Amino acid sequence: MPSRETIAMDAARAGADYARRHFRTSLAVERKSSKTDLVTDVDWTTQRRIVSTVEERFPDDEIVAEEGDERKTVPDGWAWIVDPIDGTGNFVRGMPEWVTSVAVVREGEPEGAVNVAPALGDTYRATPTGATRNGAPISVSDRTDPETFLVAPTLRWHAADGAAIGTLARTIVERFGELRRLGSAQLTFSLVASGALDAAVSFDPRPNAWDTVAGAYLVERAGGTVTDLEGNRWTPDGRGIVASNGEAHETVVSAVRSVVE
């Protein structure tokens, strides 16, 4: 039987291939919690293809997924964490920064993760032996001076967070080199893993597993550091998330914590 690592790759590719074929085509778009929280018919079908690939081989494993009635929290035992299109807002607008994400965990600990960015031509993969992009090893950046860091705020923002968002943006610009926001959390974490970004941060008190687990594992396996806002090793139950190259991690954590405190 193929390993779960292999099926994670197969499932992510199956979903990403479908989504890519429907990128920049006519879409049926619905709103979820707000006018900017979108889901499309492609999200639904992509998720079904991923879940079908997993269940064909591991029918007893749990599924945690963004859309529909699938489980929303990470259970004990074997579980698969699925985001069919992370960055649906970008997908709807024809922007290429979106990802199909699949992670497999055991007792909450990742065993494998795949983030496919088909419109960009990149596949990021994390296993117990390391992290790769398109099959080649990747690692976090080696920058040590925070004033040269490229830092990306990520995860969804809400209108009620307006003041904190402004403070966070100002803090990043004042303490670090520059700010980027991509509109896809999984792509953002993947770029930290590859060294393109130096840190990704969010003060979201309860980040969704499908937005974070695969990317956090990629950063860790690429040699980086991922913690919550208290500086503890990050878990899906953690408060906020800070992923960095590890060279000035406490400085990044302190900056984000100063915003929420």
Protein backbone atom coordinates (compact mmCIF):
# COMPACT_ATOMS: atom_id res chain seq x y z
CA MET A 1 0.00 0.00 0.00
CA PRO A 2 1.33 3.49 -0.81
CA SER A 3 2.45 5.46 2.23
CA ARG A 4 0.49 8.40 3.57
CA GLU A 5 3.31 10.68 2.38
CA THR A 6 2.78 9.40 -1.16
CA ILE A 7 -0.99 9.76 -0.97
CA ALA A 8 -0.60 13.32 0.36
CA MET A 9 1.27 14.18 -2.84
CA ASP A 10 -1.22 12.32 -5.05
CA ALA A 11 -4.21 13.96 -3.37
CA ALA A 12 -2.75 17.47 -3.53
CA ARG A 13 -1.86 17.08 -7.19
CA ALA A 14 -5.29 15.68 -8.04
CA GLY A 15 -6.94 18.68 -6.45
CA ALA A 16 -4.50 21.24 -7.82
CA ASP A 17 -4.77 19.87 -11.37
CA TYR A 18 -8.54 20.28 -11.28
CA ALA A 19 -8.36 23.77 -9.82
CA ARG A 20 -5.73 24.86 -12.34
CA ARG A 21 -7.90 23.74 -15.27
CA HIS A 22 -10.70 25.99 -14.01
CA PHE A 23 -8.51 28.97 -13.09
CA ARG A 24 -9.52 32.12 -14.97
CA THR A 25 -12.74 30.56 -16.20
CA SER A 26 -16.35 31.36 -15.38
CA LEU A 27 -16.98 30.57 -11.70
CA ALA A 28 -20.01 30.16 -9.46
CA VAL A 29 -19.06 32.29 -6.44
CA GLU A 30 -20.81 32.38 -3.07
CA ARG A 31 -20.16 34.40 0.09
CA LYS A 32 -19.65 32.74 3.44
CA SER A 33 -19.10 34.85 6.57
CA SER A 34 -18.54 38.19 4.77
CA LYS A 35 -18.48 39.88 1.38
CA THR A 36 -14.81 38.95 0.98
CA ASP A 37 -15.01 35.40 2.43
CA LEU A 38 -15.66 33.53 -0.80
CA VAL A 39 -16.16 29.96 -1.95
CA THR A 40 -16.55 28.73 -5.52
CA ASP A 41 -17.82 25.62 -7.22
CA VAL A 42 -14.17 24.81 -7.93
CA ASP A 43 -13.34 24.84 -4.18
CA TRP A 44 -16.09 22.26 -3.58
CA THR A 45 -15.08 19.92 -6.38
CA THR A 46 -11.37 20.25 -5.65
CA GLN A 47 -12.00 19.27 -2.04
CA ARG A 48 -14.09 16.27 -3.09
CA ARG A 49 -11.29 15.05 -5.37
CA ILE A 50 -8.72 15.32 -2.60
CA VAL A 51 -10.91 13.59 -0.04
CA SER A 52 -11.80 10.83 -2.51
CA THR A 53 -8.10 10.15 -3.17
CA VAL A 54 -7.41 9.89 0.56
CA GLU A 55 -10.45 7.77 1.41
CA GLU A 56 -9.71 5.29 -1.35
CA ARG A 57 -6.53 4.26 0.48
CA PHE A 58 -7.17 5.25 4.10
CA PRO A 59 -10.94 5.13 4.67
CA ASP A 60 -10.62 5.02 8.46
CA ASP A 61 -8.59 8.23 8.73
CA GLU A 62 -10.35 11.44 9.78
CA ILE A 63 -10.73 14.39 7.38
CA VAL A 64 -10.37 18.01 8.51
CA ALA A 65 -11.30 20.40 5.70
CA GLU A 66 -12.40 23.96 5.13
CA GLU A 67 -15.56 23.49 3.12
CA GLY A 68 -18.88 21.86 4.01
CA ASP A 69 -19.58 19.54 6.88
CA GLU A 70 -16.11 18.05 7.22
CA ARG A 71 -14.54 18.13 10.66
CA LYS A 72 -13.03 21.51 11.66
CA THR A 73 -10.71 20.51 14.52
CA VAL A 74 -7.71 18.18 14.55
CA PRO A 75 -8.52 14.89 16.30
CA ASP A 76 -6.29 12.24 17.83
CA GLY A 77 -5.04 9.45 15.57
CA TRP A 78 -4.49 9.79 11.84
CA ALA A 79 -6.08 12.80 10.16
CA TRP A 80 -5.85 14.69 6.89
CA ILE A 81 -6.04 18.47 6.79
CA VAL A 82 -7.28 19.87 3.49
CA ASP A 83 -7.62 23.33 1.99
CA PRO A 84 -8.73 22.93 -1.64
CA ILE A 85 -7.93 26.53 -2.60
CA ASP A 86 -6.11 28.61 -0.02
CA GLY A 87 -6.45 32.09 -1.46
CA THR A 88 -9.90 31.85 -3.02
CA GLY A 89 -10.09 35.64 -3.21
CA ASN A 90 -7.01 35.62 -5.44
CA PHE A 91 -8.36 32.68 -7.44
CA VAL A 92 -11.63 34.49 -8.15
CA ARG A 93 -9.80 37.61 -9.32
CA GLY A 94 -7.46 35.66 -11.61
CA MET A 95 -4.39 36.24 -9.44
CA PRO A 96 -1.92 33.30 -9.35
CA GLU A 97 -1.15 33.39 -5.62
CA TRP A 98 -3.22 30.45 -4.38
CA VAL A 99 -2.44 26.97 -3.11
CA THR A 100 -3.99 23.51 -2.84
CA SER A 101 -2.89 22.20 0.55
CA VAL A 102 -2.87 18.71 2.07
CA ALA A 103 -1.26 17.65 5.36
CA VAL A 104 -1.39 14.35 7.18
CA VAL A 105 -0.99 14.26 10.95
CA ARG A 106 -0.82 11.61 13.63
CA GLU A 107 -1.85 12.56 17.17
CA GLY A 108 -1.70 16.17 15.97
CA GLU A 109 1.90 15.94 14.75
CA PRO A 110 2.51 16.34 11.00
CA GLU A 111 3.91 13.37 9.11
CA GLY A 112 3.81 14.97 5.67
CA ALA A 113 2.55 18.07 3.90
CA VAL A 114 2.16 19.29 0.34
CA ASN A 115 1.35 22.80 -0.89
CA VAL A 116 0.83 23.00 -4.65
CA ALA A 117 0.76 26.44 -6.28
CA PRO A 118 -0.16 25.35 -9.82
CA ALA A 119 -0.54 28.82 -11.30
CA LEU A 120 3.01 29.56 -10.17
CA GLY A 121 4.38 26.17 -11.19
CA ASP A 122 5.61 25.29 -7.70
CA THR A 123 5.07 22.29 -5.44
CA TYR A 124 6.30 22.52 -1.85
CA ARG A 125 6.64 19.32 0.14
CA ALA A 126 7.63 18.57 3.73
CA THR A 127 8.55 15.13 5.09
CA PRO A 128 10.43 13.99 8.19
CA THR A 129 13.66 14.25 6.16
CA GLY A 130 13.29 17.87 5.03
CA ALA A 131 11.52 20.29 2.71
CA THR A 132 11.61 20.65 -1.06
CA ARG A 133 10.29 22.83 -3.86
CA ASN A 134 9.76 21.02 -7.14
CA GLY A 135 11.90 18.18 -5.78
CA ALA A 136 14.92 20.33 -4.86
CA PRO A 137 15.83 20.93 -1.19
CA ILE A 138 14.91 24.31 0.28
CA SER A 139 15.83 26.10 3.47
CA VAL A 140 14.86 29.25 5.29
CA SER A 141 16.86 32.41 4.76
CA ASP A 142 20.07 33.06 6.64
CA ARG A 143 19.48 36.77 7.26
CA THR A 144 20.24 37.83 10.82
CA ASP A 145 19.55 41.58 10.76
CA PRO A 146 15.84 42.22 11.47
CA GLU A 147 16.07 45.54 9.62
CA THR A 148 16.59 43.55 6.40
CA PHE A 149 13.68 41.15 7.02
CA LEU A 150 10.78 40.85 4.61
CA VAL A 151 7.80 40.13 6.91
CA ALA A 152 4.34 39.03 5.78
CA PRO A 153 1.20 39.45 7.87
CA THR A 154 -1.14 36.60 6.99
CA LEU A 155 -4.50 34.93 7.70
CA ARG A 156 -7.86 36.66 7.41
CA TRP A 157 -8.41 40.16 8.74
CA HIS A 158 -11.76 41.44 10.04
CA ALA A 159 -13.18 44.95 10.15
CA ALA A 160 -13.07 44.88 13.94
CA ASP A 161 -9.30 44.37 13.74
CA GLY A 162 -8.77 47.69 11.97
CA ALA A 163 -6.80 49.41 14.72
CA ALA A 164 -4.62 46.36 15.39
CA ILE A 165 -3.98 45.91 11.66
CA GLY A 166 -2.76 49.48 11.37
CA THR A 167 -0.54 49.08 14.40
CA LEU A 168 0.88 45.79 13.09
CA ALA A 169 1.66 47.29 9.69
CA ARG A 170 3.37 50.28 11.29
CA THR A 171 5.32 48.04 13.66
CA ILE A 172 6.58 45.84 10.83
CA VAL A 173 7.64 48.85 8.74
CA GLU A 174 9.40 50.49 11.70
CA ARG A 175 11.21 47.42 13.06
CA PHE A 176 11.88 45.35 9.95
CA GLY A 177 12.85 45.84 6.32
CA GLU A 178 9.59 45.64 4.42
CA LEU A 179 6.04 44.25 4.49
CA ARG A 180 4.29 41.86 2.08
CA ARG A 181 0.74 40.46 2.11
CA LEU A 182 -0.06 37.73 -0.41
CA GLY A 183 -3.65 36.67 0.30
CA SER A 184 -2.76 32.99 0.79
CA ALA A 185 -1.47 31.83 4.16
CA GLN A 186 -0.17 28.51 2.87
CA LEU A 187 1.78 30.21 0.08
CA THR A 188 3.13 32.73 2.59
CA PHE A 189 4.46 30.00 4.88
CA SER A 190 5.86 28.13 1.87
CA LEU A 191 7.83 31.23 0.90
CA VAL A 192 9.25 31.48 4.43
CA ALA A 193 10.35 27.85 4.06
CA SER A 194 12.07 28.64 0.75
CA GLY A 195 13.84 31.74 2.08
CA ALA A 196 11.96 34.25 -0.07
CA LEU A 197 10.30 35.70 3.04
CA ASP A 198 12.00 35.94 6.41
CA ALA A 199 8.89 35.75 8.60
CA ALA A 200 5.12 35.36 8.50
CA VAL A 201 2.96 36.54 11.38
CA SER A 202 -0.65 36.59 12.54
CA PHE A 203 -2.39 37.64 15.74
CA ASP A 204 -5.48 35.52 14.91
CA PRO A 205 -6.26 33.91 18.29
CA ARG A 206 -7.41 30.61 16.78
CA PRO A 207 -5.96 30.04 13.30
CA ASN A 208 -7.69 27.36 11.24
CA ALA A 209 -5.73 24.14 10.81
CA TRP A 210 -6.20 24.11 7.02
CA ASP A 211 -4.59 27.56 6.78
CA THR A 212 -1.55 26.73 8.89
CA VAL A 213 -0.55 23.12 9.58
CA ALA A 214 1.06 22.27 6.23
CA GLY A 215 2.88 25.59 6.02
CA ALA A 216 4.10 25.48 9.61
CA TYR A 217 5.51 22.00 9.01
CA LEU A 218 7.24 23.21 5.84
CA VAL A 219 8.94 26.02 7.76
CA GLU A 220 10.07 23.68 10.52
CA ARG A 221 11.41 21.07 8.11
CA ALA A 222 13.24 23.81 6.19
CA GLY A 223 15.10 24.77 9.37
CA GLY A 224 12.89 27.59 10.61
CA THR A 225 11.04 28.25 13.85
CA VAL A 226 7.27 28.34 14.37
CA THR A 227 5.71 29.45 17.66
CA ASP A 228 2.58 30.99 19.09
CA LEU A 229 2.55 34.54 20.44
CA GLU A 230 3.91 33.34 23.78
CA GLY A 231 6.97 31.90 22.05
CA ASN A 232 5.93 28.29 22.63
CA ARG A 233 6.18 25.72 19.85
CA TRP A 234 3.14 26.24 17.68
CA THR A 235 0.24 23.78 17.66
CA PRO A 236 -3.18 24.08 15.98
CA ASP A 237 -4.57 25.18 19.35
CA GLY A 238 -2.00 27.96 19.75
CA ARG A 239 -2.74 31.67 20.03
CA GLY A 240 -1.57 33.36 16.85
CA ILE A 241 1.34 32.13 14.78
CA VAL A 242 4.85 33.40 14.07
CA ALA A 243 6.99 31.54 11.52
CA SER A 244 10.50 32.76 10.81
CA ASN A 245 13.99 31.75 9.75
CA GLY A 246 14.80 31.51 13.46
CA GLU A 247 17.62 34.03 13.36
CA ALA A 248 15.73 36.78 15.20
CA HIS A 249 12.58 34.92 16.13
CA GLU A 250 12.13 36.48 19.55
CA THR A 251 12.33 39.93 17.98
CA VAL A 252 9.53 39.03 15.58
CA VAL A 253 7.40 37.49 18.34
CA SER A 254 7.91 40.55 20.53
CA ALA A 255 6.82 42.85 17.72
CA VAL A 256 3.56 40.98 17.12
CA ARG A 257 2.84 40.56 20.81
CA SER A 258 3.27 44.31 21.36
CA VAL A 259 0.38 44.86 18.96
CA VAL A 260 -2.10 42.62 20.76
CA GLU A 261 -1.08 43.62 24.27
